[in-house]
Amino acid sequence: MKTYDPRKYDLIFAGVHLNEGIADGTFLTLSSVGPGFTSKAGVDGEVTRTRMHDTRYTARLVLMQTSEVNDRLSTIYAADRAATNGQGVGVFFVQDRAGTTVLEAAKAYIADDPDVTLDMEASTREWLFELTGTTMTHGSNPDD
């Protein structure tokens, strides 16, 4: 039997561990910006595929509004917006410690502030990251 454990993921951006105060439900979405290959057909139906070299991804991280990680990310984002030297650019890393899934981006930055919603109960903050120089291994989890 295989076991998935959402608490056994390392989530790190610019040396900041993002694992505290993660929201329930889908807490991380990693999406490639474009396809790995495109294709084009000629008038005779011959198809040529083109290898694309765009290694950009987006990452959407959902935290509880009470998470202290919000403070750390807000500080990085504010410093990056105030500086002109890429101060908010860092490595983005995701690893399943109980399996073989790994994503690593050589350079990443926070693309925008999260929207703020206030409700009768605690809500969430969704952080958007842009990643480049990305390698992704869609792994598995071994049998127990």
Protein backbone atom coordinates (compact mmCIF):
# COMPACT_ATOMS: atom_id res chain seq x y z
CA MET A 1 0.00 0.00 0.00
CA LYS A 2 1.28 3.48 -0.88
CA THR A 3 1.02 6.45 1.48
CA TYR A 4 0.86 10.15 0.66
CA ASP A 5 1.56 12.55 3.53
CA PRO A 6 1.10 16.29 2.84
CA ARG A 7 3.13 17.09 5.97
CA LYS A 8 6.22 15.44 4.45
CA TYR A 9 6.88 18.08 1.83
CA ASP A 10 9.75 20.55 1.97
CA LEU A 11 8.61 23.90 0.56
CA ILE A 12 11.38 26.50 0.48
CA PHE A 13 11.76 29.90 -1.18
CA ALA A 14 14.90 32.03 -0.81
CA GLY A 15 15.86 30.07 2.30
CA VAL A 16 12.44 30.56 3.93
CA HIS A 17 10.58 27.39 4.89
CA LEU A 18 6.99 27.76 3.75
CA ASN A 19 5.55 24.76 5.63
CA GLU A 20 4.00 26.63 8.57
CA GLY A 21 0.33 27.57 8.51
CA ILE A 22 -0.55 25.89 5.25
CA ALA A 23 -4.26 25.98 4.39
CA ASP A 24 -6.39 22.89 4.03
CA GLY A 25 -7.36 21.72 0.55
CA THR A 26 -5.06 22.37 -2.39
CA PHE A 27 -2.18 24.27 -0.83
CA LEU A 28 0.34 24.30 -3.70
CA THR A 29 -0.24 24.40 -7.45
CA LEU A 30 2.76 24.19 -9.79
CA SER A 31 2.06 24.95 -13.46
CA SER A 32 4.37 25.17 -16.45
CA VAL A 33 3.89 28.38 -18.42
CA GLY A 34 4.07 26.65 -21.78
CA PRO A 35 4.28 23.20 -23.32
CA GLY A 36 7.49 21.22 -23.70
CA PHE A 37 6.78 20.75 -27.41
CA THR A 38 4.65 22.42 -30.05
CA SER A 39 3.79 21.06 -33.49
CA LYS A 40 2.94 22.42 -36.89
CA ALA A 41 1.54 20.62 -39.91
CA GLY A 42 2.40 21.51 -43.49
CA VAL A 43 -0.12 21.57 -46.32
CA ASP A 44 0.76 17.95 -47.13
CA GLY A 45 0.05 16.87 -43.56
CA GLU A 46 3.69 16.38 -42.55
CA VAL A 47 4.08 17.31 -38.90
CA THR A 48 7.12 18.93 -37.37
CA ARG A 49 7.49 19.28 -33.66
CA THR A 50 9.53 21.98 -31.98
CA ARG A 51 11.20 21.54 -28.62
CA MET A 52 10.44 24.55 -26.46
CA HIS A 53 13.10 25.77 -24.03
CA ASP A 54 10.89 27.85 -21.74
CA THR A 55 11.50 26.55 -18.20
CA ARG A 56 9.12 28.98 -16.49
CA TYR A 57 6.54 27.77 -13.99
CA THR A 58 4.12 29.49 -11.68
CA ALA A 59 3.60 28.39 -8.10
CA ARG A 60 0.49 29.24 -6.09
CA LEU A 61 0.89 28.71 -2.35
CA VAL A 62 -2.17 28.98 -0.08
CA LEU A 63 -1.53 29.82 3.57
CA MET A 64 -3.86 30.51 6.45
CA GLN A 65 -4.15 34.26 7.06
CA THR A 66 -2.67 33.60 10.53
CA SER A 67 0.52 31.96 9.22
CA GLU A 68 3.78 33.67 10.19
CA VAL A 69 5.07 32.76 6.72
CA ASN A 70 2.90 35.64 5.45
CA ASP A 71 5.12 38.03 7.44
CA ARG A 72 8.30 36.57 5.94
CA LEU A 73 6.96 36.66 2.38
CA SER A 74 5.63 40.20 2.85
CA THR A 75 9.09 41.31 3.95
CA ILE A 76 10.76 39.70 0.92
CA TYR A 77 8.18 41.16 -1.46
CA ALA A 78 8.43 44.68 0.00
CA ALA A 79 12.24 44.61 -0.13
CA ASP A 80 12.16 43.39 -3.73
CA ARG A 81 9.74 46.15 -4.75
CA ALA A 82 11.92 48.78 -3.05
CA ALA A 83 15.23 47.55 -4.49
CA THR A 84 16.53 47.45 -8.04
CA ASN A 85 19.04 44.64 -7.57
CA GLY A 86 16.81 41.54 -7.58
CA GLN A 87 16.88 41.30 -3.81
CA GLY A 88 13.68 39.23 -3.83
CA VAL A 89 14.99 36.56 -6.24
CA GLY A 90 15.88 33.17 -4.79
CA VAL A 91 15.74 29.42 -5.27
CA PHE A 92 12.31 27.73 -5.06
CA PHE A 93 12.39 24.11 -3.94
CA VAL A 94 9.71 21.47 -3.39
CA GLN A 95 10.46 17.89 -2.31
CA ASP A 96 8.32 14.99 -1.17
CA ARG A 97 10.39 13.47 1.66
CA ALA A 98 8.18 10.36 1.58
CA GLY A 99 8.46 9.95 -2.19
CA THR A 100 10.34 11.06 -5.28
CA THR A 101 8.56 14.24 -6.45
CA VAL A 102 10.97 17.19 -6.72
CA LEU A 103 10.77 20.66 -8.25
CA GLU A 104 13.67 23.07 -8.24
CA ALA A 105 13.78 26.52 -9.81
CA ALA A 106 17.13 28.30 -9.99
CA LYS A 107 15.42 31.70 -9.79
CA ALA A 108 12.04 32.64 -8.40
CA TYR A 109 10.31 35.74 -7.14
CA ILE A 110 6.98 36.74 -5.64
CA ALA A 111 4.94 38.11 -8.54
CA ASP A 112 2.23 39.88 -6.57
CA ASP A 113 0.71 40.52 -3.16
CA PRO A 114 -2.10 38.14 -2.21
CA ASP A 115 -5.67 39.39 -2.24
CA VAL A 116 -7.01 40.05 1.23
CA THR A 117 -10.40 38.75 2.28
CA LEU A 118 -11.84 39.13 5.75
CA ASP A 119 -14.64 36.92 6.97
CA MET A 120 -16.32 35.75 10.15
CA GLU A 121 -13.83 32.87 10.21
CA ALA A 122 -10.13 32.79 9.35
CA SER A 123 -9.46 32.77 5.63
CA THR A 124 -6.41 32.28 3.43
CA ARG A 125 -3.72 34.18 1.54
CA GLU A 126 -2.63 32.95 -1.89
CA TRP A 127 0.94 33.83 -2.90
CA LEU A 128 1.93 33.79 -6.58
CA PHE A 129 5.52 33.01 -7.52
CA GLU A 130 7.17 33.11 -10.95
CA LEU A 131 9.88 30.47 -11.42
CA THR A 132 12.56 30.00 -14.08
CA GLY A 133 15.36 27.53 -14.67
CA THR A 134 12.90 24.91 -13.46
CA THR A 135 13.35 21.15 -13.38
CA MET A 136 10.44 18.94 -12.34
CA THR A 137 10.26 15.25 -11.50
CA HIS A 138 6.75 13.91 -11.07
CA GLY A 139 7.54 11.10 -8.69
CA SER A 140 5.75 8.41 -6.77
CA ASN A 141 5.50 7.14 -3.24
CA PRO A 142 6.89 3.70 -2.37
CA ASP A 143 4.96 0.86 -0.80
CA ASP A 144 4.88 0.83 3.01
